[in-house]
């Protein structure tokens, strides 16, 4: 699989980042409470394949439940374009909805049962490994 650096960010442009992902990507559509409410479509990458290029000072953080996941929102527009997921604390989850889809050769969206997170989270652990 070929990989390349792709750009993403929030609605107002205050937060921008780059991440190295597969050009043919599989995205997870999770049905947990927060993903359902926000419409987040997950592309998980290792820490080493993510770099925040603009807007660290524009981010605010939300945590809940176990406080392992770090949900980062732009203070200005409120968009969560990336976060550190509980399933992959050694990586980042990128929101496909905050990226230009033309950067990818193909996109496959699969359903992830986050309502039964404890039973299914292990299926995601390998995504943040080198």
Protein backbone atom coordinates (compact mmCIF):
# COMPACT_ATOMS: atom_id res chain seq x y z
CA UNK A 1 0.00 0.00 0.00
CA UNK A 2 1.20 3.45 -0.80
CA UNK A 3 1.12 6.22 1.76
CA UNK A 4 1.30 9.99 1.44
CA UNK A 5 0.92 13.07 3.61
CA UNK A 6 -2.56 14.56 3.61
CA UNK A 7 -3.96 17.75 5.12
CA UNK A 8 -6.91 18.34 7.38
CA UNK A 9 -8.25 20.87 9.80
CA UNK A 10 -11.19 22.65 11.34
CA UNK A 11 -13.88 24.74 9.64
CA UNK A 12 -12.38 28.19 10.34
CA UNK A 13 -8.83 27.13 9.41
CA UNK A 14 -7.44 27.99 12.84
CA UNK A 15 -6.38 24.36 13.42
CA UNK A 16 -4.52 22.60 10.60
CA UNK A 17 -2.59 19.35 10.50
CA UNK A 18 -0.92 16.82 8.24
CA UNK A 19 -0.96 13.05 8.53
CA UNK A 20 0.59 10.22 6.58
CA UNK A 21 -2.13 7.74 5.65
CA UNK A 22 -2.71 5.03 3.11
CA UNK A 23 -3.87 6.35 -0.24
CA UNK A 24 -6.51 3.61 -0.26
CA UNK A 25 -8.02 4.08 3.16
CA UNK A 26 -10.50 2.21 5.32
CA UNK A 27 -12.47 4.50 7.61
CA UNK A 28 -14.44 3.46 10.69
CA UNK A 29 -17.94 4.84 11.27
CA UNK A 30 -18.50 4.31 14.99
CA UNK A 31 -21.93 4.19 16.61
CA UNK A 32 -20.87 5.19 20.15
CA UNK A 33 -22.58 8.18 21.76
CA UNK A 34 -20.03 10.88 20.90
CA UNK A 35 -19.26 9.67 17.35
CA UNK A 36 -22.96 9.40 16.56
CA UNK A 37 -23.56 12.96 17.76
CA UNK A 38 -20.54 14.43 15.95
CA UNK A 39 -20.53 12.29 12.78
CA UNK A 40 -16.84 11.48 13.21
CA UNK A 41 -15.34 9.14 10.57
CA UNK A 42 -12.09 7.64 11.90
CA UNK A 43 -8.72 7.23 10.23
CA UNK A 44 -6.29 6.13 12.95
CA UNK A 45 -2.56 6.78 12.55
CA UNK A 46 0.50 6.39 14.83
CA UNK A 47 1.81 9.49 16.65
CA UNK A 48 4.80 9.60 14.30
CA UNK A 49 2.51 10.05 11.28
CA UNK A 50 0.69 13.12 12.59
CA UNK A 51 1.84 16.72 12.94
CA UNK A 52 -0.15 19.73 14.02
CA UNK A 53 0.94 22.55 11.71
CA UNK A 54 -1.21 25.44 12.97
CA UNK A 55 -3.41 26.25 15.91
CA UNK A 56 -2.17 24.50 19.03
CA UNK A 57 -3.25 27.62 20.93
CA UNK A 58 -6.73 27.33 19.35
CA UNK A 59 -7.45 23.88 20.83
CA UNK A 60 -9.54 23.04 23.84
CA UNK A 61 -9.82 19.53 25.29
CA UNK A 62 -12.82 17.49 26.41
CA UNK A 63 -12.55 14.23 28.35
CA UNK A 64 -15.20 11.97 29.86
CA UNK A 65 -15.67 8.51 31.38
CA UNK A 66 -12.13 7.00 31.69
CA UNK A 67 -10.48 10.31 30.61
CA UNK A 68 -8.08 8.38 28.35
CA UNK A 69 -9.42 9.82 25.09
CA UNK A 70 -8.47 13.45 24.50
CA UNK A 71 -11.07 15.17 22.32
CA UNK A 72 -9.57 18.34 20.82
CA UNK A 73 -11.90 21.07 19.54
CA UNK A 74 -11.14 24.38 17.87
CA UNK A 75 -12.06 27.15 20.35
CA UNK A 76 -13.28 29.33 17.50
CA UNK A 77 -15.48 27.11 15.30
CA UNK A 78 -16.00 24.11 17.61
CA UNK A 79 -14.92 21.44 15.11
CA UNK A 80 -13.16 18.28 16.29
CA UNK A 81 -10.93 17.39 13.33
CA UNK A 82 -8.69 14.96 15.27
CA UNK A 83 -8.29 13.46 18.74
CA UNK A 84 -6.38 10.87 20.75
CA UNK A 85 -8.69 7.83 20.97
CA UNK A 86 -9.09 5.58 23.98
CA UNK A 87 -8.54 2.56 21.72
CA UNK A 88 -5.24 3.98 20.43
CA UNK A 89 -3.67 6.35 22.99
CA UNK A 90 -0.39 6.02 21.04
CA UNK A 91 -1.94 7.57 17.96
CA UNK A 92 -4.47 10.01 16.56
CA UNK A 93 -7.87 9.54 15.01
CA UNK A 94 -8.46 11.89 12.09
CA UNK A 95 -11.92 12.92 10.97
CA UNK A 96 -12.31 12.13 7.27
CA UNK A 97 -15.04 14.80 7.19
CA UNK A 98 -12.31 17.37 7.89
CA UNK A 99 -10.15 16.32 4.93
CA UNK A 100 -10.46 16.77 1.18
CA UNK A 101 -11.49 13.35 -0.13
CA UNK A 102 -9.64 14.02 -3.40
CA UNK A 103 -6.41 13.33 -1.47
CA UNK A 104 -7.29 9.61 -1.45
CA UNK A 105 -7.36 7.06 -4.27
CA UNK A 106 -10.19 5.14 -2.61
CA UNK A 107 -12.20 5.27 0.61
CA UNK A 108 -13.94 2.29 2.19
CA UNK A 109 -16.25 3.07 5.11
CA UNK A 110 -16.90 0.21 7.52
CA UNK A 111 -19.20 0.14 10.51
CA UNK A 112 -17.67 -0.12 13.98
CA UNK A 113 -19.80 -1.16 16.97
CA UNK A 114 -18.68 1.39 19.54
CA UNK A 115 -21.87 0.91 21.54
CA UNK A 116 -20.26 -2.36 22.61
CA UNK A 117 -16.81 -0.80 22.93
CA UNK A 118 -15.27 -3.23 25.42
CA UNK A 119 -15.94 -6.17 23.11
CA UNK A 120 -14.72 -4.45 19.94
CA UNK A 121 -11.95 -1.97 20.82
CA UNK A 122 -9.24 -4.58 20.36
CA UNK A 123 -10.07 -4.64 16.64
CA UNK A 124 -8.61 -1.10 16.38
CA UNK A 125 -5.43 -1.47 18.47
CA UNK A 126 -3.18 -2.37 15.52
CA UNK A 127 -4.07 0.82 13.61
CA UNK A 128 -1.70 3.06 15.59
CA UNK A 129 1.29 0.72 15.34
CA UNK A 130 4.19 1.40 12.97
